[in-house]
Protein backbone atom coordinates (compact mmCIF):
# COMPACT_ATOMS: atom_id res chain seq x y z
CA UNK A 1 29.77 118.00 138.73
CA UNK A 2 29.61 117.74 135.43
CA UNK A 3 31.85 119.34 132.68
CA UNK A 4 30.53 121.12 129.52
CA UNK A 5 32.31 122.26 126.59
CA UNK A 6 31.94 126.24 125.91
CA UNK A 7 30.40 126.87 122.69
CA UNK A 8 32.24 125.18 119.97
CA UNK A 9 35.45 125.69 121.46
CA UNK A 10 37.79 122.87 123.23
CA UNK A 11 37.20 124.22 126.72
CA UNK A 12 35.12 122.34 128.90
CA UNK A 13 33.75 124.18 132.21
CA UNK A 14 32.04 122.93 135.44
CA UNK A 15 28.21 123.11 135.06
CA UNK A 16 28.38 126.01 138.09
CA UNK A 17 30.89 128.94 138.03
CA UNK A 18 31.98 130.77 141.12
CA UNK A 19 30.97 134.29 140.76
CA UNK A 20 32.73 137.12 142.95
CA UNK A 21 30.57 140.06 142.37
CA UNK A 22 29.80 139.68 146.25
CA UNK A 23 34.07 139.90 146.85
CA UNK A 24 35.69 143.19 147.67
CA UNK A 25 32.14 145.17 149.29
CA UNK A 26 33.76 148.55 148.20
CA UNK A 27 30.93 151.64 146.56
CA UNK A 28 28.28 150.61 145.02
CA UNK A 29 28.87 146.68 145.05
CA UNK A 30 28.45 147.05 149.19
CA UNK A 31 25.16 146.54 148.67
CA UNK A 32 25.76 142.94 146.85
CA UNK A 33 28.50 141.86 149.43
CA UNK A 34 31.42 142.73 151.66
CA UNK A 35 33.57 138.74 151.38
CA UNK A 36 36.57 139.23 152.73
CA UNK A 37 39.90 137.46 152.30
CA UNK A 38 39.11 135.20 154.03
CA UNK A 39 35.73 134.71 153.61
CA UNK A 40 36.70 133.89 150.08
CA UNK A 41 39.42 131.19 150.50
CA UNK A 42 36.76 129.53 152.38
CA UNK A 43 34.33 130.21 149.55
CA UNK A 44 36.91 128.77 147.01
CA UNK A 45 38.12 125.83 148.18
CA UNK A 46 34.34 124.52 148.38
CA UNK A 47 34.09 125.16 145.34
CA UNK A 48 37.06 123.35 144.06
CA UNK A 49 36.16 120.83 146.38
CA UNK A 50 32.63 120.15 144.71
CA UNK A 51 34.36 120.21 141.21
CA UNK A 52 33.48 124.21 140.51
CA UNK A 53 36.38 124.95 137.58
CA UNK A 54 35.62 128.08 136.49
CA UNK A 55 35.44 131.79 138.57
CA UNK A 56 34.28 134.53 137.17
CA UNK A 57 35.42 138.23 137.79
CA UNK A 58 35.45 141.36 136.91
CA UNK A 59 37.59 144.57 136.63
CA UNK A 60 34.75 146.62 138.08
CA UNK A 61 33.73 144.90 140.81
CA UNK A 62 34.47 146.82 143.78
CA UNK A 63 36.96 148.84 141.47
CA UNK A 64 39.19 145.85 141.16
CA UNK A 65 39.03 144.73 144.59
CA UNK A 66 37.56 141.72 143.44
CA UNK A 67 40.03 140.20 141.04
CA UNK A 68 42.47 141.25 143.79
CA UNK A 69 40.81 139.05 146.61
CA UNK A 70 40.56 136.34 143.79
CA UNK A 71 44.23 136.50 142.74
CA UNK A 72 45.61 135.89 146.19
CA UNK A 73 42.98 133.50 147.74
CA UNK A 74 43.74 131.40 144.52
CA UNK A 75 47.59 131.69 145.21
CA UNK A 76 49.02 128.43 144.41
CA UNK A 77 45.98 126.76 143.16
CA UNK A 78 46.00 127.75 139.12
CA UNK A 79 48.18 125.05 139.15
CA UNK A 80 45.19 122.29 139.72
CA UNK A 81 42.96 123.24 136.60
CA UNK A 82 41.34 126.42 138.11
CA UNK A 83 39.87 128.64 134.72
CA UNK A 84 39.58 131.70 135.47
CA UNK A 85 37.19 134.27 133.48
CA UNK A 86 36.84 138.22 134.16
CA UNK A 87 35.27 141.10 132.09
CA UNK A 88 36.61 144.67 131.16
CA UNK A 89 34.50 147.56 129.40
CA UNK A 90 33.19 149.84 132.58
CA UNK A 91 34.55 152.89 133.70
CA UNK A 92 37.87 151.89 136.06
CA UNK A 93 39.25 155.97 136.47
CA UNK A 94 37.86 159.53 135.74
CA UNK A 95 39.69 159.93 132.16
CA UNK A 96 37.68 159.73 128.85
CA UNK A 97 39.68 156.46 127.98
CA UNK A 98 39.66 154.96 131.31
CA UNK A 99 36.16 152.75 129.69
CA UNK A 100 34.92 151.05 126.55
CA UNK A 101 36.18 148.68 124.43
CA UNK A 102 38.71 151.04 122.21
CA UNK A 103 42.47 149.16 121.74
CA UNK A 104 43.46 151.38 124.16
CA UNK A 105 41.63 150.53 126.86
CA UNK A 106 41.25 147.39 126.34
CA UNK A 107 44.66 146.30 126.23
CA UNK A 108 45.33 148.52 129.51
CA UNK A 109 42.01 146.94 131.65
CA UNK A 110 43.43 143.53 130.79
CA UNK A 111 46.87 144.25 132.03
CA UNK A 112 45.59 145.33 134.78
CA UNK A 113 43.72 142.56 135.37
CA UNK A 114 46.24 140.49 135.17
CA UNK A 115 48.40 142.02 137.44
CA UNK A 116 45.83 142.02 140.46
CA UNK A 117 45.05 138.52 139.23
CA UNK A 118 48.68 137.50 140.07
CA UNK A 119 48.56 135.54 136.74
CA UNK A 120 50.41 135.22 133.62
CA UNK A 121 47.05 134.76 131.55
CA UNK A 122 43.39 135.00 131.89
CA UNK A 123 41.46 131.75 130.40
CA UNK A 124 38.26 133.52 129.83
CA UNK A 125 38.36 137.34 128.59
CA UNK A 126 34.94 138.81 128.07
CA UNK A 127 33.95 142.38 127.24
CA UNK A 128 30.99 143.12 129.54
CA UNK A 129 28.81 145.15 127.70
CA UNK A 130 28.38 146.64 124.01
CA UNK A 131 30.26 150.03 123.31
CA UNK A 132 28.49 151.88 120.04
CA UNK A 133 31.45 154.21 119.56
CA UNK A 134 34.02 151.91 118.92
CA UNK A 135 34.36 149.81 115.66
CA UNK A 136 33.53 146.37 116.64
CA UNK A 137 37.34 146.26 114.42
CA UNK A 138 39.12 147.93 116.48
CA UNK A 139 37.41 145.76 119.77
CA UNK A 140 38.31 142.27 118.02
CA UNK A 141 41.40 143.42 116.75
CA UNK A 142 42.59 144.16 120.19
CA UNK A 143 41.19 140.78 121.69
CA UNK A 144 43.34 139.42 118.46
CA UNK A 145 46.64 141.07 119.55
CA UNK A 146 46.13 139.94 123.50
CA UNK A 147 45.09 136.31 122.49
CA UNK A 148 48.46 136.41 120.12
CA UNK A 149 50.92 137.94 123.06
CA UNK A 150 49.84 134.90 125.25
CA UNK A 151 48.15 136.95 127.79
CA UNK A 152 44.04 135.67 127.29
CA UNK A 153 42.97 132.48 125.88
CA UNK A 154 39.48 132.63 124.73
CA UNK A 155 37.37 136.01 124.32
CA UNK A 156 33.80 136.29 125.14
CA UNK A 157 30.92 138.83 125.16
CA UNK A 158 28.45 139.92 127.95
CA UNK A 159 25.15 141.98 127.58
CA UNK A 160 24.94 141.66 123.85
CA UNK A 161 21.88 142.16 121.95
CA UNK A 162 21.26 139.71 119.51
CA UNK A 163 22.53 141.85 116.22
CA UNK A 164 25.39 143.25 118.66
CA UNK A 165 26.16 139.61 118.64
CA UNK A 166 25.92 139.13 114.77
CA UNK A 167 27.48 141.92 114.07
CA UNK A 168 30.77 141.12 115.92
CA UNK A 169 30.55 137.19 114.78
CA UNK A 170 30.33 138.55 111.35
CA UNK A 171 33.47 140.66 111.45
CA UNK A 172 35.36 137.85 113.46
CA UNK A 173 34.61 135.44 110.12
CA UNK A 174 35.37 138.15 107.58
CA UNK A 175 38.32 139.41 109.27
CA UNK A 176 40.23 136.44 110.85
CA UNK A 177 39.75 137.40 113.98
CA UNK A 178 38.90 136.01 117.31
CA UNK A 179 35.43 134.94 118.31
CA UNK A 180 33.18 134.92 121.01
CA UNK A 181 32.83 131.11 122.18
CA UNK A 182 30.24 132.59 124.62
CA UNK A 183 27.96 134.95 126.00
CA UNK A 184 27.13 136.23 129.50
CA UNK A 185 23.61 136.85 129.85
CA UNK A 186 21.04 137.06 132.67
CA UNK A 187 18.50 134.44 132.38
CA UNK A 188 16.19 133.30 135.24
CA UNK A 189 12.95 131.96 135.26
CA UNK A 190 11.90 135.52 135.76
CA UNK A 191 13.46 136.93 133.14
CA UNK A 192 13.24 135.05 129.66
CA UNK A 193 14.17 138.05 127.27
CA UNK A 194 17.44 135.98 126.37
CA UNK A 195 14.76 133.16 124.59
CA UNK A 196 13.84 135.75 121.84
CA UNK A 197 17.27 136.03 119.90
CA UNK A 198 20.10 134.89 122.48
CA UNK A 199 19.62 131.72 123.07
CA UNK A 200 18.57 131.13 119.66
CA UNK A 201 21.66 132.64 118.56
CA UNK A 202 23.77 130.49 121.15
CA UNK A 203 22.11 127.70 118.96
CA UNK A 204 22.96 128.82 115.98
CA UNK A 205 26.35 130.22 116.07
CA UNK A 206 27.79 127.73 118.59
CA UNK A 207 28.29 129.77 121.54
CA UNK A 208 28.53 128.49 124.93
CA UNK A 209 25.56 130.13 128.08
CA UNK A 210 27.22 131.67 130.68
CA UNK A 211 24.30 132.72 133.02
CA UNK A 212 24.43 136.06 135.76
CA UNK A 213 22.50 136.62 138.68
CA UNK A 214 20.71 133.47 138.28
CA UNK A 215 18.55 133.78 141.25
CA UNK A 216 17.23 137.47 140.03
CA UNK A 217 19.36 139.06 142.66
CA UNK A 218 18.24 136.76 145.36
CA UNK A 219 14.30 136.94 144.71
CA UNK A 220 13.77 133.03 143.46
CA UNK A 221 15.82 131.79 146.92
CA UNK A 222 11.89 131.45 148.14
CA UNK A 223 13.09 133.72 151.14
CA UNK A 224 11.37 137.01 149.41
CA UNK A 225 7.43 136.27 148.94
CA UNK A 226 4.76 138.40 148.15
CA UNK A 227 5.26 140.51 151.64
CA UNK A 228 8.45 139.27 153.07
CA UNK A 229 11.78 141.25 152.17
CA UNK A 230 14.26 139.46 154.46
CA UNK A 231 16.93 141.49 156.28
CA UNK A 232 20.35 141.72 154.67
CA UNK A 233 19.38 141.07 151.23
CA UNK A 234 20.18 143.29 147.74
CA UNK A 235 16.57 144.70 147.45
CA UNK A 236 16.22 146.14 150.77
CA UNK A 237 19.97 147.58 150.35
CA UNK A 238 18.65 149.24 146.98
CA UNK A 239 20.53 147.42 144.53
CA UNK A 240 17.77 147.60 141.59
CA UNK A 241 18.76 144.83 139.29
CA UNK A 242 16.83 142.82 137.98
CA UNK A 243 14.13 145.17 137.47
CA UNK A 244 11.05 143.00 138.10
CA UNK A 245 7.73 144.51 135.26
CA UNK A 246 5.07 141.84 136.74
CA UNK A 247 5.11 141.74 140.87
CA UNK A 248 2.09 139.33 140.74
CA UNK A 249 4.04 137.10 138.10
CA UNK A 250 7.41 136.83 139.92
CA UNK A 251 5.26 135.52 143.08
CA UNK A 252 3.26 133.24 141.46
CA UNK A 253 6.77 131.48 140.03
CA UNK A 254 8.24 131.76 143.43
CA UNK A 255 4.99 129.83 144.84
CA UNK A 256 5.40 127.12 142.09
CA UNK A 257 9.30 126.92 143.51
CA UNK A 258 8.55 126.36 146.81
CA UNK A 259 5.85 123.86 146.39
CA UNK A 260 8.58 122.20 144.49
CA UNK A 261 11.35 122.45 146.79
CA UNK A 262 8.88 121.17 149.85
CA UNK A 263 8.37 118.30 147.77
CA UNK A 264 11.66 117.53 147.06
CA UNK A 265 13.40 118.45 150.27
CA UNK A 266 15.48 121.03 148.88
CA UNK A 267 15.40 124.80 148.28
CA UNK A 268 13.91 126.78 145.95
CA UNK A 269 17.09 128.13 144.84
CA UNK A 270 18.18 124.47 144.04
CA UNK A 271 15.01 124.52 141.80
CA UNK A 272 15.28 127.75 140.26
CA UNK A 273 19.46 126.95 139.56
CA UNK A 274 18.12 122.90 138.73
CA UNK A 275 15.77 124.50 135.79
CA UNK A 276 18.48 126.54 134.28
CA UNK A 277 20.91 123.93 134.27
CA UNK A 278 18.68 122.03 131.52
CA UNK A 279 17.93 125.15 129.35
CA UNK A 280 19.30 124.73 125.63
CA UNK A 281 23.01 126.16 124.64
CA UNK A 282 23.23 127.29 129.13
CA UNK A 283 27.02 125.75 129.36
CA UNK A 284 27.30 126.88 133.09
CA UNK A 285 25.87 129.50 136.16
CA UNK A 286 27.49 131.16 137.97
CA UNK A 287 26.70 131.22 141.63
CA UNK A 288 27.36 133.50 144.59
CA UNK A 289 26.86 133.72 148.14
CA UNK A 290 27.15 136.51 150.38
CA UNK A 291 28.33 133.54 153.07
CA UNK A 292 29.14 129.91 153.30
CA UNK A 293 25.87 128.65 153.58
CA UNK A 294 24.09 130.40 151.06
CA UNK A 295 26.93 129.17 148.45
CA UNK A 296 26.95 125.58 150.03
CA UNK A 297 22.99 125.11 149.24
CA UNK A 298 23.52 127.21 145.19
CA UNK A 299 26.39 124.18 144.97
CA UNK A 300 23.58 121.27 145.66
CA UNK A 301 21.90 122.13 142.61
CA UNK A 302 24.79 120.27 140.61
CA UNK A 303 22.72 117.07 141.88
CA UNK A 304 19.05 117.94 141.14
CA UNK A 305 17.55 116.66 138.19
CA UNK A 306 14.34 117.58 137.51
CA UNK A 307 11.28 115.85 136.18
CA UNK A 308 9.43 116.55 133.01
CA UNK A 309 6.70 117.58 135.21
CA UNK A 310 7.98 119.75 137.37
CA UNK A 311 9.91 121.19 134.58
CA UNK A 312 6.55 121.80 132.60
CA UNK A 313 5.12 123.57 135.65
CA UNK A 314 8.09 126.14 135.60
CA UNK A 315 8.03 126.58 131.64
CA UNK A 316 4.03 127.24 131.97
CA UNK A 317 3.71 129.88 135.12
CA UNK A 318 7.36 131.76 133.71
CA UNK A 319 6.39 131.47 129.94
CA UNK A 320 7.04 135.06 128.16
CA UNK A 321 4.46 135.92 125.18
CA UNK A 322 5.58 134.90 122.22
CA UNK A 323 6.08 138.18 120.83
CA UNK A 324 6.17 139.52 116.72
CA UNK A 325 7.66 138.17 114.57
CA UNK A 326 7.83 134.76 116.56
CA UNK A 327 3.09 134.69 116.50
CA UNK A 328 3.44 135.02 112.97
CA UNK A 329 5.98 132.46 111.93
CA UNK A 330 4.56 129.86 114.62
CA UNK A 331 1.57 130.47 112.22
CA UNK A 332 2.93 130.65 109.10
CA UNK A 333 5.98 128.81 108.85
CA UNK A 334 6.25 126.28 111.42
CA UNK A 335 6.65 123.65 108.56
CA UNK A 336 10.56 124.52 107.66
CA UNK A 337 11.41 125.99 111.16
CA UNK A 338 15.03 124.63 112.20
CA UNK A 339 16.40 124.07 115.80
CA UNK A 340 17.06 127.26 116.75
CA UNK A 341 13.66 128.65 115.78
CA UNK A 342 12.02 125.75 117.64
CA UNK A 343 14.10 126.15 121.13
CA UNK A 344 11.66 129.54 121.74
CA UNK A 345 8.89 128.72 119.45
CA UNK A 346 7.82 124.78 120.08
CA UNK A 347 6.40 125.36 123.02
CA UNK A 348 3.81 127.64 121.85
CA UNK A 349 2.71 124.75 119.55
CA UNK A 350 1.72 122.49 121.57
C-alpha cells in the first residue's frame, strides 16, 4: 500500500480508503448496501491488513448507523494509527436547524458524530455539500472552534464547485481560519468533469483529492454491459447516482476496461481504480463493497500499475470535450500556461 500526503498537510493517507456507505442499510441507503456489524468488522480487518489507514463515513449514511457501526467495529484499533474521516451538512432531523453548515448545526453534528464513532477526535472533518444560505465565515469559524477544542484535526470539503472552493480558501486565508486540506469529489473514467476546475484548483492550491464512487456506482466494474444489469446492484435497486448522459460512451469505456483487464488477468474494477490512482492530485480512492469479495477485489488495485499505452487507451475513450474558455486558452494562450492549466489542456494539444 502506498501512502500519500493529503494535500499540503503533514498527514499521510493510504492510496485506498475504506468507504462505509454500504454499512447500516437504513432508508434509501439500503439500496447501496446492508453491511451489518459482524461483516463490517471483517471488512475493516481486511483493509487494515492490506495497509489501509483511512476510514471514511458520514452522519447521513443510514441516519447515523454507519458511524455507529464504524465506532463499534473499530474498538481499540484506533490506537494502531487508523484515521477516521466523517462529514456533515445533510438533514439529521426534521427541525429547520437540523441541516446545513451553520455554527449551530455543525457543532451539534460534530459532537453527535464523536459519540456515534466512540472517539474523542475526528481526523478529517468534511463539509459534505455547499450551503448557500450560511456565510462561509460562520462555517469556517465553527470549524476553527472544533479544531481549537481538539475535536477535529483537519478539515475538508466535498461536492463544492470551483468558485465555492476558491471563495472558501480565500476566506480562510483572509481571516486566518483553518483551510481545507482536501476535497472529496466524484471522479471516474465516465465522469471527468472535475478536470475542468476541481483538479486544477487542487494542483494550484495544494489540496488532496479523495474520490467517492470511483466505479460509478458499479457501472465500471465490468459486470454491467450494454444489455446486462446484474441482480443485487444499485442500479437495479433504483439508485440514481451518478447520472449517465451518454450511454454509448459509457459502454465504449467499459469495453476498453474489460479488454485491458482480460489481457492483464485482473478485474475491470481494478483497472478503473488504477487509472484514478495515477491521476494528478489524487491522494486516495474510496472503495467499499456490498460483500467481502467485492472489497477484496478492489483492494487489489493498490498494486496494479498501468502501462503508458493502457493509460492512453483509457484516456482517449473517456476524454470529455474541451469546453470554453479552455479551448480558447489552448488556441491563444498555450505559450503561457501553467502546470495546473496543462493538467486539463495538454492532452488536447497533441
